[in-house]
Amino acid sequence: MLKDFIWVVITVAVIVGFIVVFMAMYTAVLERTREIGILKAVGSSNALILSILLRETLMLAIVGTVLGIILTYGAQWLMHLFPGNLVQETVYKWWPISGGIAIVGALLGAVVPGYKAVQQDVTEALSYE
């Protein structure tokens, strides 16, 4: 019974984490609509602009995943520093899964508004506030 509960908690955490990453990237790209308009005005293609957004998003997702792993070790170190009843078990097989979820969520969060932004007319994108 406890394993079922743990899987439910993990599933909810994965869904919430995916939504948070998606919305953060969605907001970040929407805030750059004006810059995308400037790039289009100087002659950049839609594919180039989308490529720039995706590469930046991928870099942020990878750095965030690595930073999360480093913070895991920092939390373990702090728990060993102050002995008590707190126990942290690191499940290494979840690292690639959580990294994949973060990367997919970030890329989807950047593709949707990025595609919307590159499809706008240059004057609309430049006047976006």
Protein backbone atom coordinates (compact mmCIF):
# COMPACT_ATOMS: atom_id res chain seq x y z
CA MET A 1 0.00 0.00 0.00
CA LEU A 2 2.85 2.38 0.79
CA LYS A 3 4.49 1.80 -2.60
CA ASP A 4 1.28 2.82 -4.36
CA PHE A 5 1.15 6.00 -2.30
CA ILE A 6 4.80 6.76 -3.10
CA TRP A 7 4.14 6.32 -6.85
CA VAL A 8 1.16 8.68 -6.64
CA VAL A 9 3.29 11.30 -4.88
CA ILE A 10 6.07 10.88 -7.46
CA THR A 11 3.59 11.18 -10.34
CA VAL A 12 2.07 14.36 -8.92
CA ALA A 13 5.54 15.81 -8.33
CA VAL A 14 6.58 15.01 -11.92
CA ILE A 15 3.45 16.63 -13.35
CA VAL A 16 3.83 19.74 -11.20
CA GLY A 17 7.55 19.99 -12.04
CA PHE A 18 6.80 19.66 -15.75
CA ILE A 19 4.18 22.41 -15.58
CA VAL A 20 6.50 24.74 -13.64
CA VAL A 21 9.35 24.32 -16.13
CA PHE A 22 6.94 24.68 -19.07
CA MET A 23 5.42 27.88 -17.72
CA ALA A 24 8.80 29.40 -16.83
CA MET A 25 10.09 28.89 -20.36
CA TYR A 26 6.78 30.02 -21.88
CA THR A 27 6.99 33.29 -19.96
CA ALA A 28 10.67 33.79 -20.79
CA VAL A 29 10.06 33.41 -24.52
CA LEU A 30 6.95 35.61 -24.53
CA GLU A 31 8.98 38.38 -22.89
CA ARG A 32 11.37 38.25 -25.85
CA THR A 33 8.79 38.84 -28.55
CA ARG A 34 10.17 42.31 -29.19
CA GLU A 35 13.74 40.97 -29.59
CA ILE A 36 12.42 38.33 -31.98
CA GLY A 37 10.82 41.13 -34.00
CA ILE A 38 14.17 42.93 -34.16
CA LEU A 39 15.88 39.77 -35.40
CA LYS A 40 13.20 39.33 -38.06
CA ALA A 41 13.53 42.98 -39.08
CA VAL A 42 17.24 42.56 -39.81
CA GLY A 43 16.57 39.49 -41.94
CA SER A 44 16.85 36.44 -39.68
CA SER A 45 14.85 33.45 -40.78
CA ASN A 46 12.16 31.86 -38.62
CA ALA A 47 14.21 28.66 -38.40
CA LEU A 48 17.28 30.56 -37.15
CA ILE A 49 15.30 32.35 -34.45
CA LEU A 50 13.62 29.13 -33.30
CA SER A 51 17.02 27.40 -33.32
CA ILE A 52 18.52 30.10 -31.10
CA LEU A 53 15.63 29.79 -28.65
CA LEU A 54 15.86 26.00 -28.51
CA ARG A 55 19.61 25.95 -28.01
CA GLU A 56 19.39 28.47 -25.18
CA THR A 57 16.55 26.51 -23.60
CA LEU A 58 18.47 23.25 -23.85
CA MET A 59 21.50 24.85 -22.23
CA LEU A 60 19.39 26.23 -19.36
CA ALA A 61 17.71 22.85 -18.81
CA ILE A 62 21.01 20.98 -18.72
CA VAL A 63 22.64 23.52 -16.38
CA GLY A 64 19.56 23.40 -14.13
CA THR A 65 19.65 19.61 -14.00
CA VAL A 66 23.34 19.56 -13.11
CA LEU A 67 22.79 22.27 -10.50
CA GLY A 68 19.97 20.20 -8.99
CA ILE A 69 22.27 17.18 -8.70
CA ILE A 70 24.95 19.32 -7.03
CA LEU A 71 22.37 20.69 -4.59
CA THR A 72 21.39 17.11 -3.74
CA TYR A 73 24.93 16.46 -2.58
CA GLY A 74 24.90 19.75 -0.66
CA ALA A 75 21.71 18.72 1.15
CA GLN A 76 23.23 15.33 1.99
CA TRP A 77 26.32 17.02 3.36
CA LEU A 78 24.21 19.32 5.56
CA MET A 79 22.22 16.36 6.87
CA HIS A 80 25.41 14.55 7.83
CA LEU A 81 26.71 17.71 9.45
CA PHE A 82 23.76 17.87 11.83
CA PRO A 83 22.99 14.32 12.92
CA GLY A 84 19.40 13.53 13.70
CA ASN A 85 16.50 11.56 12.36
CA LEU A 86 16.63 12.97 8.84
CA VAL A 87 17.63 10.44 6.21
CA GLN A 88 18.07 11.20 2.54
CA GLU A 89 18.33 8.41 0.04
CA THR A 90 19.67 9.30 -3.37
CA VAL A 91 18.11 7.22 -6.11
CA TYR A 92 20.57 7.50 -8.96
CA LYS A 93 18.31 5.84 -11.53
CA TRP A 94 15.95 8.85 -11.28
CA TRP A 95 18.59 11.36 -12.39
CA PRO A 96 18.26 10.71 -16.13
CA ILE A 97 14.48 10.49 -15.81
CA SER A 98 14.20 13.82 -13.98
CA GLY A 99 16.70 15.41 -16.35
CA GLY A 100 14.69 14.18 -19.32
CA ILE A 101 11.48 15.56 -17.85
CA ALA A 102 13.13 18.95 -17.25
CA ILE A 103 14.58 19.07 -20.76
CA VAL A 104 11.35 18.03 -22.48
CA GLY A 105 9.31 20.46 -20.39
CA ALA A 106 11.71 23.30 -21.15
CA LEU A 107 11.81 22.57 -24.88
CA LEU A 108 8.04 22.31 -25.14
CA GLY A 109 7.73 25.48 -23.10
CA ALA A 110 10.01 27.26 -25.56
CA VAL A 111 8.71 25.77 -28.82
CA VAL A 112 5.07 26.75 -28.39
CA PRO A 113 5.55 30.49 -27.72
CA GLY A 114 8.65 30.62 -29.93
CA TYR A 115 6.69 29.32 -32.90
CA LYS A 116 3.90 31.77 -32.11
CA ALA A 117 6.38 34.65 -31.90
CA VAL A 118 8.18 33.87 -35.17
CA GLN A 119 4.86 33.62 -37.01
CA GLN A 120 3.91 37.18 -36.02
CA ASP A 121 4.34 40.05 -38.39
CA VAL A 122 7.50 42.08 -37.75
CA THR A 123 5.55 45.22 -36.86
CA GLU A 124 3.35 43.31 -34.39
CA ALA A 125 6.37 41.74 -32.74
CA LEU A 126 8.16 45.08 -32.47
CA SER A 127 5.14 46.75 -30.90
CA TYR A 128 4.63 43.92 -28.37
CA GLU A 129 4.84 45.10 -24.77
